Amino acid sequence: MLTHRLSRMASLLLAAVLQPAQAHDTWFEVLPGPALALGTGNRFPAQETGIDRSFLVHQGCHLRDGSTRPMEALDDEPAALQLRPPASARSCWMQLAPLQIEVAPALVPVYLNEIAASAELRRIWDGRRARGLAWTERYTKHARVELDDGTAPAPAAGLGLEMRVDSGGRPRRVGEPLQFQVHRDGQPLAGMPVELRHENSALGLWRRTDAQGQVRLALPWPGRWLLRGVDLRVADDDADAWDSRFATLAFDVLSALPRTAAP
């Protein structure tokens, strides 16, 4: 068993080095049981690579009574780590240990396009590339999933980069306004590009957070959605390296209420 887990950890670390060409997201999928699948994929909703439980440095769930309890790790499946949330969980989250990667220069534009990187970040990279520097990056993954319909407020989980959704005390429904909040280290993160992806659409909805770290919009289709984004910046401890935080928020949207006939 120990040999299997060590081999799996080595494979995941190798994948982190060999597959950095795109912003591979990590997110929760709700399974029967109830259970949650935590996996990484090139594009939502297809999870392709599992997460070893040893990489979980912070995880838990908010319960309906206001308390917080951890999830139970079940099976390390090839495509996703399965976890069991506690009974009456309303939302669950995790933060992974940071990892280092190096990206080949030819693949960097793909990555920057995937995260809608700013012109300033691209300018900094052009300068580094002209100096013959490699792209070295330390990244940390964060993920959250909402398990209820949104009628109760979503408390913060204290993640390094966290996304939340607020439907104003109403169930999340098609055509109804939703407010998304992005925090970094507990503070609103302004100007961050975020994308909303639907389980049945190849096209994403891009927005940028306002001065309060918020995005407001109504969604057009019922079903599973994923809010995703990457906060990329120059590393504090190395002016020639990068630091990034990935975050996802998985949630469901209900169909619109049927219209009542006029009297």
Protein backbone atom coordinates (compact mmCIF):
# COMPACT_ATOMS: atom_id res chain seq x y z
CA MET A 1 0.00 0.00 0.00
CA LEU A 2 2.83 2.40 0.93
CA THR A 3 4.69 1.58 -2.27
CA HIS A 4 1.54 2.24 -4.30
CA ARG A 5 1.01 5.64 -2.68
CA LEU A 6 4.64 6.66 -3.10
CA SER A 7 4.46 5.69 -6.77
CA ARG A 8 1.23 7.67 -7.17
CA MET A 9 2.74 10.76 -5.54
CA ALA A 10 5.74 10.54 -7.85
CA SER A 11 3.43 10.28 -10.87
CA LEU A 12 1.46 13.34 -9.78
CA LEU A 13 4.61 15.37 -9.24
CA LEU A 14 5.88 14.33 -12.67
CA ALA A 15 2.56 15.33 -14.23
CA ALA A 16 2.87 18.75 -12.59
CA VAL A 17 6.16 19.23 -14.45
CA LEU A 18 5.22 17.71 -17.79
CA GLN A 19 1.70 19.14 -18.21
CA PRO A 20 1.86 22.87 -17.45
CA ALA A 21 0.91 24.03 -20.94
CA GLN A 22 -2.63 24.90 -19.89
CA ALA A 23 -4.29 26.04 -16.69
CA HIS A 24 -5.38 22.62 -15.49
CA ASP A 25 -8.11 23.27 -12.92
CA THR A 26 -8.91 21.17 -9.86
CA TRP A 27 -12.53 20.99 -8.74
CA PHE A 28 -15.14 19.03 -6.79
CA GLU A 29 -17.79 16.88 -8.43
CA VAL A 30 -20.80 15.74 -6.41
CA LEU A 31 -21.31 11.96 -6.48
CA PRO A 32 -24.10 9.72 -5.11
CA GLY A 33 -23.57 8.49 -1.61
CA PRO A 34 -23.21 11.33 -0.90
CA ALA A 35 -19.55 11.69 -1.84
CA LEU A 36 -17.30 14.21 -3.56
CA ALA A 37 -14.71 13.59 -6.27
CA LEU A 38 -11.71 15.93 -6.22
CA GLY A 39 -9.83 15.83 -9.51
CA THR A 40 -7.92 17.85 -12.09
CA GLY A 41 -8.80 18.22 -15.75
CA ASN A 42 -8.05 20.22 -18.86
CA ARG A 43 -11.65 21.41 -19.07
CA PHE A 44 -14.68 21.13 -16.80
CA PRO A 45 -16.50 18.79 -16.29
CA ALA A 46 -14.05 15.98 -17.28
CA GLN A 47 -11.71 15.10 -14.41
CA GLU A 48 -8.57 13.32 -15.64
CA THR A 49 -6.08 13.16 -12.74
CA GLY A 50 -6.68 12.40 -9.08
CA ILE A 51 -5.24 14.16 -6.05
CA ASP A 52 -3.22 12.27 -3.45
CA ARG A 53 -4.69 12.90 -0.01
CA SER A 54 -1.24 13.78 1.35
CA PHE A 55 -1.39 17.04 -0.67
CA LEU A 56 -4.47 18.28 1.24
CA VAL A 57 -3.21 20.88 3.69
CA HIS A 58 -6.58 22.49 4.50
CA GLN A 59 -10.03 20.96 3.97
CA GLY A 60 -13.45 20.92 5.55
CA CYS A 61 -17.18 21.61 5.22
CA HIS A 62 -19.70 24.09 6.59
CA LEU A 63 -22.71 22.35 8.16
CA ARG A 64 -26.27 23.60 8.37
CA ASP A 65 -25.96 24.13 12.14
CA GLY A 66 -23.09 26.57 11.56
CA SER A 67 -20.28 24.23 12.62
CA THR A 68 -17.31 23.11 10.54
CA ARG A 69 -16.07 19.54 10.18
CA PRO A 70 -13.48 17.81 7.95
CA MET A 71 -14.22 15.42 5.11
CA GLU A 72 -13.21 11.75 5.21
CA ALA A 73 -10.88 10.60 2.44
CA LEU A 74 -12.19 7.40 0.84
CA ASP A 75 -10.49 6.12 -2.33
CA ASP A 76 -7.54 7.41 -4.37
CA GLU A 77 -9.07 6.79 -7.78
CA PRO A 78 -6.98 7.44 -10.94
CA ALA A 79 -9.17 10.35 -12.07
CA ALA A 80 -10.24 11.76 -8.69
CA LEU A 81 -9.86 11.45 -4.94
CA GLN A 82 -13.17 10.49 -3.38
CA LEU A 83 -14.15 12.12 -0.09
CA ARG A 84 -17.19 11.80 2.14
CA PRO A 85 -18.58 15.10 3.48
CA PRO A 86 -20.19 15.10 6.93
CA ALA A 87 -23.96 14.84 7.15
CA SER A 88 -25.84 18.11 6.48
CA ALA A 89 -22.81 19.71 4.79
CA ARG A 90 -23.74 22.88 2.89
CA SER A 91 -20.38 23.63 1.28
CA CYS A 92 -16.94 22.01 1.24
CA TRP A 93 -13.46 23.23 0.32
CA MET A 94 -9.80 22.32 0.12
CA GLN A 95 -6.36 23.87 -0.35
CA LEU A 96 -3.42 21.86 -1.72
CA ALA A 97 0.25 22.09 -0.87
CA PRO A 98 2.17 24.38 -3.27
CA LEU A 99 4.17 22.82 -6.13
CA GLN A 100 6.96 24.08 -8.40
CA ILE A 101 6.82 23.78 -12.19
CA GLU A 102 8.84 24.91 -15.18
CA VAL A 103 7.09 25.69 -18.46
CA ALA A 104 8.74 25.49 -21.87
CA PRO A 105 8.79 28.96 -23.51
CA ALA A 106 6.79 27.76 -26.52
CA LEU A 107 3.94 26.68 -24.22
CA VAL A 108 3.73 29.84 -22.14
CA PRO A 109 1.37 31.69 -24.57
CA VAL A 110 -1.14 28.83 -24.30
CA TYR A 111 -1.09 29.11 -20.52
CA LEU A 112 -1.42 32.90 -20.56
CA ASN A 113 -4.38 32.70 -22.92
CA GLU A 114 -6.05 30.06 -20.72
CA ILE A 115 -5.98 32.38 -17.72
CA ALA A 116 -6.68 35.62 -19.66
CA ALA A 117 -3.42 37.11 -18.39
CA SER A 118 -3.06 40.88 -18.49
CA ALA A 119 -0.91 42.82 -20.94
CA GLU A 120 1.41 43.73 -18.07
CA LEU A 121 2.08 40.08 -17.19
CA ARG A 122 2.79 39.32 -20.84
CA ARG A 123 5.17 42.28 -21.02
CA ILE A 124 7.07 41.02 -17.98
CA TRP A 125 7.38 37.58 -19.56
CA ASP A 126 8.61 39.04 -22.85
CA GLY A 127 11.38 40.78 -20.94
CA ARG A 128 12.37 37.63 -19.08
CA ARG A 129 12.34 35.56 -22.25
CA ALA A 130 14.56 38.12 -23.98
CA ARG A 131 17.06 37.61 -21.15
CA GLY A 132 17.00 33.86 -21.71
CA LEU A 133 15.18 33.06 -18.46
CA ALA A 134 12.97 30.00 -17.99
CA TRP A 135 9.38 30.18 -16.76
CA THR A 136 9.49 28.92 -13.16
CA GLU A 137 6.32 29.03 -11.11
CA ARG A 138 5.10 28.05 -7.66
CA TYR A 139 1.37 27.34 -7.75
CA THR A 140 -1.26 26.51 -5.14
CA LYS A 141 -4.67 24.99 -5.87
CA HIS A 142 -7.91 25.90 -4.05
CA ALA A 143 -11.38 24.48 -4.66
CA ARG A 144 -14.85 24.89 -3.20
CA VAL A 145 -18.24 23.30 -3.90
CA GLU A 146 -21.72 24.43 -2.88
CA LEU A 147 -24.00 21.54 -1.89
CA ASP A 148 -27.22 23.43 -1.10
CA ASP A 149 -29.47 25.63 -3.24
CA GLY A 150 -28.03 28.95 -2.08
CA THR A 151 -30.83 30.12 0.19
CA ALA A 152 -28.41 30.44 3.12
CA PRO A 153 -25.31 32.68 2.97
CA ALA A 154 -22.00 31.00 2.14
CA PRO A 155 -19.46 31.58 4.95
CA ALA A 156 -15.80 32.10 4.13
CA ALA A 157 -13.48 29.11 4.53
CA GLY A 158 -10.23 31.04 4.95
CA LEU A 159 -8.54 29.79 1.78
CA GLY A 160 -5.57 31.60 0.26
CA LEU A 161 -7.72 32.28 -2.82
CA GLU A 162 -11.43 31.79 -2.38
CA MET A 163 -14.53 32.14 -4.54
CA ARG A 164 -18.07 32.34 -3.19
CA VAL A 165 -21.52 32.84 -4.68
CA ASP A 166 -24.44 34.74 -3.15
CA SER A 167 -27.97 34.51 -4.54
CA GLY A 168 -29.50 36.96 -2.08
CA GLY A 169 -31.26 34.33 0.02
CA ARG A 170 -33.01 32.79 -2.99
CA PRO A 171 -32.29 29.47 -4.72
CA ARG A 172 -29.81 29.82 -7.58
CA ARG A 173 -31.97 29.84 -10.71
CA VAL A 174 -31.59 30.59 -14.40
CA GLY A 175 -32.04 34.29 -15.11
CA GLU A 176 -31.78 35.33 -11.46
CA PRO A 177 -28.92 37.68 -10.44
CA LEU A 178 -25.94 36.08 -8.72
CA GLN A 179 -23.05 37.81 -7.00
CA PHE A 180 -19.63 36.15 -7.03
CA GLN A 181 -16.94 37.21 -4.58
CA VAL A 182 -13.18 36.56 -4.88
CA HIS A 183 -10.88 36.95 -1.87
CA ARG A 184 -7.11 36.59 -1.58
CA ASP A 185 -5.89 36.14 2.00
CA GLY A 186 -9.29 37.32 3.22
CA GLN A 187 -9.29 40.57 1.22
CA PRO A 188 -11.33 41.38 -1.92
CA LEU A 189 -9.27 40.78 -5.05
CA ALA A 190 -9.94 43.45 -7.67
CA GLY A 191 -9.22 43.12 -11.39
CA MET A 192 -8.95 39.33 -11.48
CA PRO A 193 -10.14 37.62 -14.69
CA VAL A 194 -12.57 34.79 -13.95
CA GLU A 195 -14.43 32.43 -16.24
CA LEU A 196 -17.77 30.67 -15.79
CA ARG A 197 -18.05 27.31 -17.53
CA HIS A 198 -21.17 25.19 -17.98
CA GLU A 199 -21.05 21.41 -18.11
CA ASN A 200 -22.58 21.30 -21.62
CA SER A 201 -20.93 24.28 -23.31
CA ALA A 202 -17.50 24.69 -24.89
CA LEU A 203 -17.73 28.46 -24.50
CA GLY A 204 -16.96 30.22 -21.24
CA LEU A 205 -18.23 33.53 -19.87
CA TRP A 206 -15.29 35.79 -18.98
CA ARG A 207 -15.57 38.64 -16.49
CA ARG A 208 -13.16 40.71 -14.39
CA THR A 209 -13.78 41.41 -10.70
CA ASP A 210 -14.60 44.99 -9.73
CA ALA A 211 -12.99 47.10 -7.00
CA GLN A 212 -14.78 45.02 -4.35
CA GLY A 213 -13.60 41.74 -5.89
CA GLN A 214 -17.09 41.00 -7.19
CA VAL A 215 -18.80 39.89 -10.39
CA ARG A 216 -22.57 40.12 -10.85
CA LEU A 217 -24.53 38.34 -13.56
CA ALA A 218 -27.42 35.97 -14.27
CA LEU A 219 -26.66 32.59 -15.82
CA PRO A 220 -28.49 31.31 -18.91
CA TRP A 221 -28.67 27.52 -18.36
CA PRO A 222 -29.54 25.15 -15.54
CA GLY A 223 -27.12 22.44 -14.43
CA ARG A 224 -23.55 22.32 -13.19
CA TRP A 225 -21.32 25.38 -13.38
CA LEU A 226 -17.70 26.09 -12.51
CA LEU A 227 -16.23 29.49 -11.69
CA ARG A 228 -12.47 29.39 -12.29
CA GLY A 229 -9.56 31.79 -12.20
CA VAL A 230 -5.82 32.08 -11.65
CA ASP A 231 -4.16 34.93 -9.76
CA LEU A 232 -0.68 35.10 -11.36
CA ARG A 233 1.95 37.53 -10.14
CA VAL A 234 5.69 38.03 -9.78
CA ALA A 235 6.99 35.99 -6.83
CA ASP A 236 7.74 38.00 -3.69
CA ASP A 237 10.95 36.07 -2.99
CA ASP A 238 12.31 35.90 -6.55
CA ALA A 239 11.90 38.72 -9.07
CA ASP A 240 12.51 36.30 -11.95
CA ALA A 241 9.94 33.69 -10.89
CA TRP A 242 6.15 33.51 -10.74
CA ASP A 243 3.66 32.76 -8.01
CA SER A 244 0.11 31.68 -8.81
CA ARG A 245 -3.02 30.68 -6.99
CA PHE A 246 -5.69 28.64 -8.77
CA ALA A 247 -9.27 28.65 -7.50
CA THR A 248 -12.52 26.99 -8.55
CA LEU A 249 -16.09 27.11 -7.30
CA ALA A 250 -18.51 24.35 -8.34
CA PHE A 251 -22.24 24.90 -7.94
CA ASP A 252 -25.62 24.04 -9.46
CA VAL A 253 -28.19 26.34 -11.00
CA LEU A 254 -31.88 25.37 -11.03
CA SER A 255 -34.31 25.86 -13.87
CA ALA A 256 -36.32 29.06 -13.95
CA LEU A 257 -39.63 29.08 -12.14
CA PRO A 258 -42.61 28.56 -14.48
CA ARG A 259 -44.49 31.73 -15.29
CA THR A 260 -47.97 32.02 -13.84
CA ALA A 261 -50.75 32.82 -16.21
CA ALA A 262 -52.24 36.29 -15.98
CA PRO A 263 -55.67 36.37 -14.34
